[in-house]
Amino acid sequence: MRTHRREKIDALRNAILNVAIGRAPGEAQQEVFLGYVDSFTAWHITILRFMEGPIAFAAQRGVEINFAIGGALSAVLVRCFPELTGKAEFCDQIVRDLRIRGFINNSDDGVLHVMMSQSGLNDRHTTDLADRFLAFIAAPRELRVERPDRGILINQYAAG
């Protein structure tokens, strides 16, 4: 639970930093995006990032995906997050929430369960709107300090 709260706090902090350095959408879009940060769970954000490129997402986490003839996104998701095993309805609800907000480029709520080729599994399943939202809640490049042992940190001195 603490990790999930941390992810939402990080998203909010990053959004504020992006506004402060002038790297944010217009004011109305900022309000909408901040509302999403408030209403989304950490799983919404995680699954949205996953949907940007599932195989690449898995590789970044050291999870090997080798479906010779393809598979379903749900199988890739569960390999990345074993704690989601047996929680198909939960995952479908998250995807439905994201699709309703215009973040998923597939009109089928069951997109996680559709058999896809290997290239289909790695396709981008998000929209340009989703990309703008994720950029809004990402740590600004100017303030990032990447450390292999701790991930992306915010340079406290640069942040002020």
C-alpha atoms as a PDB file:
ATOM      1  CA  MET A   1       0.000   0.000   0.000  1.00  0.00           C
ATOM      2  CA  ARG A   2       2.777   2.440   0.893  1.00  0.00           C
ATOM      3  CA  THR A   3       4.448   1.907  -2.523  1.00  0.00           C
ATOM      4  CA  HIS A   4       1.191   2.672  -4.319  1.00  0.00           C
ATOM      5  CA  ARG A   5       0.704   5.895  -2.373  1.00  0.00           C
ATOM      6  CA  ARG A   6       4.304   6.837  -3.154  1.00  0.00           C
ATOM      7  CA  GLU A   7       3.635   6.413  -6.874  1.00  0.00           C
ATOM      8  CA  LYS A   8       0.647   8.761  -6.734  1.00  0.00           C
ATOM      9  CA  ILE A   9       2.605  11.299  -4.671  1.00  0.00           C
ATOM     10  CA  ASP A  10       5.443  11.110  -7.207  1.00  0.00           C
ATOM     11  CA  ALA A  11       2.980  11.656 -10.069  1.00  0.00           C
ATOM     12  CA  LEU A  12       1.522  14.716  -8.348  1.00  0.00           C
ATOM     13  CA  ARG A  13       4.974  16.093  -7.501  1.00  0.00           C
ATOM     14  CA  ASN A  14       6.132  15.592 -11.093  1.00  0.00           C
ATOM     15  CA  ALA A  15       3.023  17.319 -12.431  1.00  0.00           C
ATOM     16  CA  ILE A  16       3.682  20.333 -10.202  1.00  0.00           C
ATOM     17  CA  LEU A  17       7.330  20.424 -11.282  1.00  0.00           C
ATOM     18  CA  ASN A  18       6.310  20.254 -14.960  1.00  0.00           C
ATOM     19  CA  VAL A  19       3.935  23.182 -14.438  1.00  0.00           C
ATOM     20  CA  ALA A  20       6.647  25.151 -12.605  1.00  0.00           C
ATOM     21  CA  ILE A  21       9.176  24.739 -15.419  1.00  0.00           C
ATOM     22  CA  GLY A  22       6.633  25.473 -18.141  1.00  0.00           C
ATOM     23  CA  ARG A  23       6.361  21.914 -19.487  1.00  0.00           C
ATOM     24  CA  ALA A  24       2.658  21.361 -19.028  1.00  0.00           C
ATOM     25  CA  PRO A  25      -0.440  21.471 -21.200  1.00  0.00           C
ATOM     26  CA  GLY A  26      -2.906  24.353 -21.013  1.00  0.00           C
ATOM     27  CA  GLU A  27      -4.599  25.155 -17.735  1.00  0.00           C
ATOM     28  CA  ALA A  28      -7.844  23.309 -18.501  1.00  0.00           C
ATOM     29  CA  GLN A  29      -5.958  20.157 -19.534  1.00  0.00           C
ATOM     30  CA  GLN A  30      -3.813  20.430 -16.390  1.00  0.00           C
ATOM     31  CA  GLU A  31      -6.964  20.421 -14.249  1.00  0.00           C
ATOM     32  CA  VAL A  32      -8.319  17.369 -16.059  1.00  0.00           C
ATOM     33  CA  PHE A  33      -4.999  15.524 -15.720  1.00  0.00           C
ATOM     34  CA  LEU A  34      -4.693  16.425 -12.026  1.00  0.00           C
ATOM     35  CA  GLY A  35      -8.208  15.061 -11.536  1.00  0.00           C
ATOM     36  CA  TYR A  36      -7.043  11.797 -13.106  1.00  0.00           C
ATOM     37  CA  VAL A  37      -4.045  11.619 -10.769  1.00  0.00           C
ATOM     38  CA  ASP A  38      -6.472  12.066  -7.877  1.00  0.00           C
ATOM     39  CA  SER A  39      -9.028   9.493  -9.057  1.00  0.00           C
ATOM     40  CA  PHE A  40      -6.715   6.865 -10.554  1.00  0.00           C
ATOM     41  CA  THR A  41      -5.158   4.155  -8.472  1.00  0.00           C
ATOM     42  CA  ALA A  42      -1.469   3.406  -8.820  1.00  0.00           C
ATOM     43  CA  TRP A  43      -2.569   0.413 -10.916  1.00  0.00           C
ATOM     44  CA  HIS A  44      -4.214   2.740 -13.443  1.00  0.00           C
ATOM     45  CA  ILE A  45      -0.920   4.530 -13.968  1.00  0.00           C
ATOM     46  CA  THR A  46       1.094   1.304 -14.026  1.00  0.00           C
ATOM     47  CA  ILE A  47      -1.198  -0.433 -16.500  1.00  0.00           C
ATOM     48  CA  LEU A  48      -1.284   2.688 -18.678  1.00  0.00           C
ATOM     49  CA  ARG A  49       2.530   2.652 -18.793  1.00  0.00           C
ATOM     50  CA  PHE A  50       2.394  -1.070 -19.578  1.00  0.00           C
ATOM     51  CA  MET A  51       0.028  -0.446 -22.490  1.00  0.00           C
ATOM     52  CA  GLU A  52       2.549   1.929 -24.113  1.00  0.00           C
ATOM     53  CA  GLY A  53       4.575  -1.106 -25.215  1.00  0.00           C
ATOM     54  CA  PRO A  54       4.015  -4.273 -23.195  1.00  0.00           C
ATOM     55  CA  ILE A  55       7.072  -6.264 -24.305  1.00  0.00           C
ATOM     56  CA  ALA A  56       9.401  -3.275 -23.847  1.00  0.00           C
ATOM     57  CA  PHE A  57       7.794  -2.617 -20.438  1.00  0.00           C
ATOM     58  CA  ALA A  58       8.486  -6.230 -19.419  1.00  0.00           C
ATOM     59  CA  ALA A  59      12.077  -6.039 -20.675  1.00  0.00           C
ATOM     60  CA  GLN A  60      12.707  -2.889 -18.612  1.00  0.00           C
ATOM     61  CA  ARG A  61      11.733  -4.928 -15.558  1.00  0.00           C
ATOM     62  CA  GLY A  62      13.889  -7.905 -16.492  1.00  0.00           C
ATOM     63  CA  VAL A  63      10.880 -10.070 -17.395  1.00  0.00           C
ATOM     64  CA  GLU A  64      11.502 -12.200 -20.467  1.00  0.00           C
ATOM     65  CA  ILE A  65       8.524 -12.636 -22.761  1.00  0.00           C
ATOM     66  CA  ASN A  66       8.955 -15.222 -25.499  1.00  0.00           C
ATOM     67  CA  PHE A  67       5.644 -16.184 -27.023  1.00  0.00           C
ATOM     68  CA  ALA A  68       6.651 -17.869 -30.296  1.00  0.00           C
ATOM     69  CA  ILE A  69       3.299 -17.381 -31.987  1.00  0.00           C
ATOM     70  CA  GLY A  70       1.850 -14.611 -29.851  1.00  0.00           C
ATOM     71  CA  GLY A  71      -0.370 -14.442 -26.839  1.00  0.00           C
ATOM     72  CA  ALA A  72      -2.623 -12.144 -24.858  1.00  0.00           C
ATOM     73  CA  LEU A  73      -1.659  -8.912 -23.119  1.00  0.00           C
ATOM     74  CA  SER A  74      -3.057 -10.360 -19.892  1.00  0.00           C
ATOM     75  CA  ALA A  75      -0.368 -13.076 -19.931  1.00  0.00           C
ATOM     76  CA  VAL A  76       2.358 -10.439 -20.310  1.00  0.00           C
ATOM     77  CA  LEU A  77       0.802  -8.297 -17.567  1.00  0.00           C
ATOM     78  CA  VAL A  78       0.673 -11.215 -15.126  1.00  0.00           C
ATOM     79  CA  ARG A  79       4.295 -12.089 -15.866  1.00  0.00           C
ATOM     80  CA  CYS A  80       5.239  -8.511 -15.014  1.00  0.00           C
ATOM     81  CA  PHE A  81       2.970  -8.440 -11.937  1.00  0.00           C
ATOM     82  CA  PRO A  82       2.270 -11.927 -10.539  1.00  0.00           C
ATOM     83  CA  GLU A  83       0.061 -10.338  -7.856  1.00  0.00           C
ATOM     84  CA  LEU A  84      -2.518  -9.719 -10.619  1.00  0.00           C
ATOM     85  CA  THR A  85      -2.957 -13.459 -11.228  1.00  0.00           C
ATOM     86  CA  GLY A  86      -6.647 -14.329 -10.961  1.00  0.00           C
ATOM     87  CA  LYS A  87      -7.682 -10.664 -11.006  1.00  0.00           C
ATOM     88  CA  ALA A  88      -8.939 -10.399 -14.590  1.00  0.00           C
ATOM     89  CA  GLU A  89     -12.068  -8.426 -13.638  1.00  0.00           C
ATOM     90  CA  PHE A  90      -9.961  -5.894 -11.735  1.00  0.00           C
ATOM     91  CA  CYS A  91      -7.573  -5.471 -14.678  1.00  0.00           C
ATOM     92  CA  ASP A  92     -10.483  -5.206 -17.116  1.00  0.00           C
ATOM     93  CA  GLN A  93     -12.021  -2.452 -14.974  1.00  0.00           C
ATOM     94  CA  ILE A  94      -8.747  -0.514 -15.020  1.00  0.00           C
ATOM     95  CA  VAL A  95      -8.519  -0.829 -18.806  1.00  0.00           C
ATOM     96  CA  ARG A  96     -12.187   0.196 -19.123  1.00  0.00           C
ATOM     97  CA  ASP A  97     -11.524   3.303 -16.998  1.00  0.00           C
ATOM     98  CA  LEU A  98      -8.516   4.197 -19.141  1.00  0.00           C
ATOM     99  CA  ARG A  99     -10.385   3.593 -22.404  1.00  0.00           C
ATOM    100  CA  ILE A 100     -13.354   5.731 -21.322  1.00  0.00           C
ATOM    101  CA  ARG A 101     -10.945   8.601 -20.671  1.00  0.00           C
ATOM    102  CA  GLY A 102      -9.484   8.225 -24.156  1.00  0.00           C
ATOM    103  CA  PHE A 103      -6.155   6.706 -23.101  1.00  0.00           C
ATOM    104  CA  ILE A 104      -6.460   3.268 -24.758  1.00  0.00           C
ATOM    105  CA  ASN A 105      -6.632   3.089 -28.560  1.00  0.00           C
ATOM    106  CA  ASN A 106      -8.751  -0.076 -28.675  1.00  0.00           C
ATOM    107  CA  SER A 107     -12.524   0.110 -28.392  1.00  0.00           C
ATOM    108  CA  ASP A 108     -12.729  -3.398 -26.910  1.00  0.00           C
ATOM    109  CA  ASP A 109     -12.788  -3.533 -23.096  1.00  0.00           C
ATOM    110  CA  GLY A 110     -11.448  -7.080 -23.383  1.00  0.00           C
ATOM    111  CA  VAL A 111      -8.262  -5.979 -25.155  1.00  0.00           C
ATOM    112  CA  LEU A 112      -6.165  -7.696 -22.485  1.00  0.00           C
ATOM    113  CA  HIS A 113      -7.546 -11.096 -23.509  1.00  0.00           C
ATOM    114  CA  VAL A 114      -7.350 -10.870 -27.304  1.00  0.00           C
ATOM    115  CA  MET A 115      -4.740 -13.153 -28.885  1.00  0.00           C
ATOM    116  CA  MET A 116      -2.077 -11.079 -30.652  1.00  0.00           C
ATOM    117  CA  SER A 117       1.064 -11.724 -32.625  1.00  0.00           C
ATOM    118  CA  GLN A 118       4.432 -11.027 -31.000  1.00  0.00           C
ATOM    119  CA  SER A 119       4.537  -7.630 -32.748  1.00  0.00           C
ATOM    120  CA  GLY A 120       0.966  -6.912 -31.642  1.00  0.00           C
ATOM    121  CA  LEU A 121       1.990  -7.548 -28.060  1.00  0.00           C
ATOM    122  CA  ASN A 122       4.641  -4.877 -28.356  1.00  0.00           C
ATOM    123  CA  ASP A 123       2.491  -2.374 -30.228  1.00  0.00           C
ATOM    124  CA  ARG A 124       1.539   0.877 -28.613  1.00  0.00           C
ATOM    125  CA  HIS A 125      -1.974   0.504 -27.221  1.00  0.00           C
ATOM    126  CA  THR A 126      -2.212   4.076 -25.911  1.00  0.00           C
ATOM    127  CA  THR A 127      -3.364   7.305 -27.506  1.00  0.00           C
ATOM    128  CA  ASP A 128      -1.615  10.638 -27.932  1.00  0.00           C
ATOM    129  CA  LEU A 129      -3.722  11.920 -25.020  1.00  0.00           C
ATOM    130  CA  ALA A 130      -2.294   9.149 -22.824  1.00  0.00           C
ATOM    131  CA  ASP A 131       1.218  10.114 -23.904  1.00  0.00           C
ATOM    132  CA  ARG A 132       0.568  13.731 -22.887  1.00  0.00           C
ATOM    133  CA  PHE A 133      -0.797  12.601 -19.520  1.00  0.00           C
ATOM    134  CA  LEU A 134       2.187  10.338 -18.856  1.00  0.00           C
ATOM    135  CA  ALA A 135       4.582  13.128 -19.845  1.00  0.00           C
ATOM    136  CA  PHE A 136       2.748  15.460 -17.447  1.00  0.00           C
ATOM    137  CA  ILE A 137       3.241  13.069 -14.509  1.00  0.00           C
ATOM    138  CA  ALA A 138       6.809  12.057 -15.422  1.00  0.00           C
ATOM    139  CA  ALA A 139       9.820  13.550 -13.668  1.00  0.00           C
ATOM    140  CA  PRO A 140      11.140  16.461 -15.757  1.00  0.00           C
ATOM    141  CA  ARG A 141      14.268  15.398 -17.669  1.00  0.00           C
ATOM    142  CA  GLU A 142      16.218  18.375 -16.351  1.00  0.00           C
ATOM    143  CA  LEU A 143      15.715  17.193 -12.784  1.00  0.00           C
ATOM    144  CA  ARG A 144      16.232  13.433 -13.241  1.00  0.00           C
ATOM    145  CA  VAL A 145      19.084  11.591 -11.669  1.00  0.00           C
ATOM    146  CA  GLU A 146      19.085   7.922 -12.641  1.00  0.00           C
ATOM    147  CA  ARG A 147      20.671   5.453 -10.275  1.00  0.00           C
ATOM    148  CA  PRO A 148      20.634   1.725 -11.002  1.00  0.00           C
ATOM    149  CA  ASP A 149      20.081   0.893  -7.350  1.00  0.00           C
ATOM    150  CA  ARG A 150      17.208   3.337  -6.750  1.00  0.00           C
ATOM    151  CA  GLY A 151      15.653   4.165 -10.133  1.00  0.00           C
ATOM    152  CA  ILE A 152      14.870   7.725 -11.176  1.00  0.00           C
ATOM    153  CA  LEU A 153      15.280  10.294  -8.463  1.00  0.00           C
ATOM    154  CA  ILE A 154      14.609  14.016  -8.505  1.00  0.00           C
ATOM    155  CA  ASN A 155      17.683  16.159  -8.066  1.00  0.00           C
ATOM    156  CA  GLN A 156      16.715  17.983  -4.876  1.00  0.00           C
ATOM    157  CA  TYR A 157      19.126  20.840  -5.536  1.00  0.00           C
ATOM    158  CA  ALA A 158      17.782  21.476  -9.023  1.00  0.00           C
ATOM    159  CA  ALA A 159      14.201  21.251  -7.762  1.00  0.00           C
ATOM    160  CA  GLY A 160      14.869  24.049  -5.397  1.00  0.00           C
END
